[in-house]
Amino acid sequence: MNDVLRLEGIAKTYNPGTPGAVEVLRGLDLTVARGEVVALIAPSGAGKSTLLHIAGLLDTPDAGRVVLNGRDMTGLGDKPRTEARRRELGFVYQFHHLLPEFSALENIVLPQLANGVAERAAQARAAGLLDRVGLSARAGHRPAALSGGEQQRVAFCRALANAPALLLADEPTGNLDPATSDRVFDMLMALVRETGLSALIATHNMDLAGRMDRVMRMDKIVASP
């Protein structure tokens, strides 16, 4: 199986059967191959966040299949879905969502501890990731003491802490100014390439999308290559 992620015939409607029903996705098919970085281009309101939530096992489709690393996740209970999220998926959002009371290093250590990694090994991996994004000197700083670009780099490291198979990112540089966005995106892509990670990255930035392996354009309801 060469695909890390395969979505087949995904459909999602909010408030079904009511006057306020909103069909977000209908018959959506999408794949991400091993080692592939796919850009997801979508206008506001097209359902990209819903798609990412379904791909990330944070939401369930009304119809269709979600296959992660060859395993059909459709219909599984909360426990196996949570375990799969913890072990196989990394998430990056437009806002960093770092825990404010913990240092940069600690923010990267915590998800590893939750995954059963020994503390010393977790600290060593966190320190190594911070070094790779040029933040070794900032390891002990809390998020409030970091710039926006530094916060997002820490968020990237946290997403990669448990060595996931797939990274899901929703406008990961959308909250940064253009120059900082370019630098931070370059660091993200370097990390992804170095680790052989697969990634599905939603962005409005066509320049950033052009640096990825493939672009999926998502219009209302459906997505197409």
Protein backbone atom coordinates (compact mmCIF):
# COMPACT_ATOMS: atom_id res chain seq x y z
CA MET A 1 0.00 0.00 0.00
CA ASN A 2 1.67 3.18 -1.23
CA ASP A 3 -0.89 5.64 0.14
CA VAL A 4 -0.57 6.96 3.67
CA LEU A 5 -4.05 8.50 3.41
CA ARG A 6 -6.96 7.55 1.21
CA LEU A 7 -10.36 9.20 1.37
CA GLU A 8 -13.06 7.50 -0.68
CA GLY A 9 -16.48 8.93 -1.40
CA ILE A 10 -16.48 11.21 1.64
CA ALA A 11 -19.77 13.00 2.34
CA LYS A 12 -20.64 15.32 5.20
CA THR A 13 -23.75 17.35 5.95
CA TYR A 14 -24.28 19.40 9.08
CA ASN A 15 -27.74 19.52 10.65
CA PRO A 16 -29.14 16.90 8.24
CA GLY A 17 -32.88 16.67 7.91
CA THR A 18 -33.44 20.22 9.09
CA PRO A 19 -34.15 23.49 7.23
CA GLY A 20 -30.65 24.57 8.20
CA ALA A 21 -28.90 21.55 6.67
CA VAL A 22 -25.54 22.40 5.08
CA GLU A 23 -23.94 19.92 2.69
CA VAL A 24 -20.20 20.44 2.99
CA LEU A 25 -18.68 17.45 1.20
CA ARG A 26 -20.14 15.08 -1.39
CA GLY A 27 -18.34 12.12 -2.97
CA LEU A 28 -14.86 13.44 -2.20
CA ASP A 29 -11.86 11.28 -3.14
CA LEU A 30 -8.32 12.18 -2.09
CA THR A 31 -5.01 10.35 -1.66
CA VAL A 32 -1.64 11.24 -0.18
CA ALA A 33 1.20 8.91 -1.12
CA ARG A 34 4.13 8.05 1.12
CA GLY A 35 6.63 10.90 1.13
CA GLU A 36 4.29 13.16 -0.84
CA VAL A 37 3.44 16.74 0.11
CA VAL A 38 0.03 17.76 -1.21
CA ALA A 39 -1.27 21.33 -1.23
CA LEU A 40 -4.99 21.79 -0.66
CA ILE A 41 -6.31 24.98 -2.24
CA ALA A 42 -9.80 25.97 -1.20
CA PRO A 43 -11.87 29.16 -0.98
CA SER A 44 -13.40 30.07 2.35
CA GLY A 45 -16.45 27.99 3.10
CA ALA A 46 -15.53 25.14 0.74
CA GLY A 47 -15.11 22.66 3.59
CA LYS A 48 -11.34 22.29 3.82
CA SER A 49 -11.33 22.38 7.62
CA THR A 50 -14.04 19.72 7.65
CA LEU A 51 -11.97 17.63 5.26
CA LEU A 52 -8.87 17.98 7.46
CA HIS A 53 -10.88 17.09 10.57
CA ILE A 54 -12.19 13.96 8.87
CA ALA A 55 -8.72 13.02 7.56
CA GLY A 56 -7.34 13.63 11.05
CA LEU A 57 -9.99 11.42 12.70
CA LEU A 58 -11.37 14.38 14.61
CA ASP A 59 -14.73 14.10 12.82
CA THR A 60 -16.58 11.29 11.07
CA PRO A 61 -18.08 11.35 7.57
CA ASP A 62 -21.71 10.57 6.87
CA ALA A 63 -20.58 8.30 4.04
CA GLY A 64 -17.31 7.06 2.56
CA ARG A 65 -14.10 5.58 3.92
CA VAL A 66 -11.03 6.97 5.66
CA VAL A 67 -8.03 4.66 5.21
CA LEU A 68 -4.88 5.52 7.15
CA ASN A 69 -1.71 3.51 6.52
CA GLY A 70 -3.79 0.78 4.93
CA ARG A 71 -6.19 0.54 7.86
CA ASP A 72 -9.86 1.40 7.39
CA MET A 73 -10.66 3.79 10.23
CA THR A 74 -14.32 4.14 9.27
CA GLY A 75 -16.67 3.09 12.05
CA LEU A 76 -13.97 2.53 14.66
CA GLY A 77 -14.60 3.66 18.23
CA ASP A 78 -13.05 6.60 20.04
CA LYS A 79 -10.17 4.65 21.61
CA PRO A 80 -8.57 3.26 18.42
CA ARG A 81 -9.13 6.58 16.65
CA THR A 82 -7.44 8.45 19.49
CA GLU A 83 -4.51 6.03 19.45
CA ALA A 84 -4.14 6.44 15.69
CA ARG A 85 -4.18 10.22 16.00
CA ARG A 86 -1.51 10.09 18.69
CA ARG A 87 0.80 7.69 16.88
CA GLU A 88 0.30 8.36 13.19
CA LEU A 89 -0.86 11.95 12.76
CA GLY A 90 0.63 15.37 13.41
CA PHE A 91 -1.39 18.59 13.34
CA VAL A 92 -0.42 22.21 12.68
CA TYR A 93 -2.94 25.05 12.66
CA GLN A 94 -2.86 28.71 11.66
CA PHE A 95 -2.47 29.63 15.34
CA HIS A 96 0.19 27.77 17.27
CA HIS A 97 -1.99 26.61 20.21
CA LEU A 98 1.07 26.07 22.39
CA LEU A 99 0.43 25.61 26.10
CA PRO A 100 1.33 29.02 27.58
CA GLU A 101 2.51 27.76 30.97
CA PHE A 102 5.13 25.44 29.47
CA SER A 103 8.43 26.17 27.72
CA ALA A 104 9.09 25.47 24.06
CA LEU A 105 10.92 22.27 24.99
CA GLU A 106 8.16 21.14 27.33
CA ASN A 107 5.49 21.73 24.68
CA ILE A 108 7.32 19.21 22.48
CA VAL A 109 8.00 16.76 25.32
CA LEU A 110 4.39 16.52 26.54
CA PRO A 111 2.85 14.73 23.52
CA GLN A 112 5.67 12.22 23.64
CA LEU A 113 5.01 11.47 27.30
CA ALA A 114 1.33 10.97 26.45
CA ASN A 115 2.49 8.45 23.85
CA GLY A 116 4.48 6.45 26.40
CA VAL A 117 7.97 7.77 25.59
CA ALA A 118 10.41 7.94 28.51
CA GLU A 119 11.04 11.49 29.71
CA ARG A 120 14.78 11.53 28.98
CA ALA A 121 14.23 10.27 25.43
CA ALA A 122 11.39 12.76 24.93
CA GLN A 123 13.59 15.65 26.04
CA ALA A 124 16.39 14.54 23.74
CA ARG A 125 14.07 14.35 20.74
CA ALA A 126 12.52 17.72 21.58
CA ALA A 127 15.96 19.32 21.85
CA GLY A 128 16.98 17.79 18.52
CA LEU A 129 13.89 19.10 16.75
CA LEU A 130 14.39 22.59 18.17
CA ASP A 131 17.98 22.52 16.98
CA ARG A 132 16.85 21.62 13.46
CA VAL A 133 14.66 24.73 13.30
CA GLY A 134 17.29 26.99 14.86
CA LEU A 135 15.63 27.41 18.25
CA SER A 136 18.00 25.66 20.64
CA ALA A 137 18.68 28.93 22.42
CA ARG A 138 14.94 29.47 22.94
CA ALA A 139 14.14 26.02 24.36
CA GLY A 140 13.47 27.33 27.86
CA HIS A 141 11.27 30.23 26.77
CA ARG A 142 7.51 30.15 27.14
CA PRO A 143 5.38 30.95 24.08
CA ALA A 144 4.70 34.54 25.15
CA ALA A 145 8.43 35.25 24.98
CA LEU A 146 8.70 33.97 21.39
CA SER A 147 7.97 35.76 18.13
CA GLY A 148 5.13 34.58 15.91
CA GLY A 149 7.52 32.77 13.60
CA GLU A 150 9.27 31.11 16.53
CA GLN A 151 5.97 30.00 18.03
CA GLN A 152 4.96 28.37 14.77
CA ARG A 153 8.31 26.62 14.44
CA VAL A 154 7.79 25.16 17.91
CA ALA A 155 4.31 24.07 16.80
CA PHE A 156 5.89 22.26 13.83
CA CYS A 157 8.30 20.48 16.16
CA ARG A 158 5.43 19.48 18.45
CA ALA A 159 3.51 18.07 15.47
CA LEU A 160 6.53 15.93 14.55
CA ALA A 161 7.37 14.90 18.11
CA ASN A 162 5.89 11.41 17.82
CA ALA A 163 7.27 10.78 14.31
CA PRO A 164 3.87 10.63 12.60
CA ALA A 165 3.27 9.13 9.19
CA LEU A 166 1.16 12.08 8.05
CA LEU A 167 1.18 15.79 8.82
CA LEU A 168 -2.07 17.72 8.44
CA ALA A 169 -1.70 21.50 8.35
CA ASP A 170 -4.41 24.16 8.06
CA GLU A 171 -2.97 27.47 6.84
CA PRO A 172 0.18 26.89 8.93
CA THR A 173 1.75 30.24 8.01
CA GLY A 174 -1.45 32.20 7.49
CA ASN A 175 -1.00 34.23 10.66
CA LEU A 176 2.49 35.46 9.73
CA ASP A 177 3.71 38.36 7.60
CA PRO A 178 4.85 37.36 4.08
CA ALA A 179 8.61 37.38 4.77
CA THR A 180 8.26 35.38 7.98
CA SER A 181 5.78 33.05 6.28
CA ASP A 182 8.32 32.19 3.59
CA ARG A 183 11.08 31.48 6.09
CA VAL A 184 8.88 29.38 8.35
CA PHE A 185 7.41 27.44 5.43
CA ASP A 186 10.90 26.67 4.13
CA MET A 187 11.79 25.26 7.56
CA LEU A 188 8.62 23.17 7.59
CA MET A 189 9.35 21.75 4.16
CA ALA A 190 12.94 20.98 5.16
CA LEU A 191 11.71 19.06 8.20
CA VAL A 192 9.16 17.17 6.10
CA ARG A 193 11.74 16.24 3.44
CA GLU A 194 14.37 15.21 5.98
CA THR A 195 11.98 12.84 7.74
CA GLY A 196 10.28 11.45 4.62
CA LEU A 197 6.97 12.55 6.06
CA SER A 198 3.77 12.78 4.05
CA ALA A 199 1.77 15.98 4.37
CA LEU A 200 -1.57 17.52 3.40
CA ILE A 201 -1.29 21.29 3.72
CA ALA A 202 -4.19 23.67 3.22
CA THR A 203 -3.16 27.12 2.05
CA HIS A 204 -4.46 30.16 0.17
CA ASN A 205 -0.92 31.03 -0.90
CA MET A 206 -0.36 29.86 -4.47
CA ASP A 207 3.38 30.48 -4.23
CA LEU A 208 3.64 28.10 -1.26
CA ALA A 209 1.38 25.59 -3.00
CA GLY A 210 3.70 25.62 -5.99
CA ARG A 211 6.57 24.39 -3.84
CA MET A 212 4.72 21.18 -2.98
CA ASP A 213 4.51 17.96 -4.98
CA ARG A 214 0.89 18.22 -6.05
CA VAL A 215 -2.05 20.60 -5.75
CA MET A 216 -5.64 19.58 -5.00
CA ARG A 217 -8.15 22.29 -5.77
CA MET A 218 -11.24 22.19 -3.61
CA ASP A 219 -14.37 24.00 -4.68
CA LYS A 220 -17.77 23.89 -3.05
CA ILE A 221 -18.73 20.33 -2.12
CA VAL A 222 -16.01 18.41 -3.98
CA ALA A 223 -12.26 18.38 -4.62
CA SER A 224 -10.40 17.65 -7.86
CA PRO A 225 -6.76 17.20 -8.90
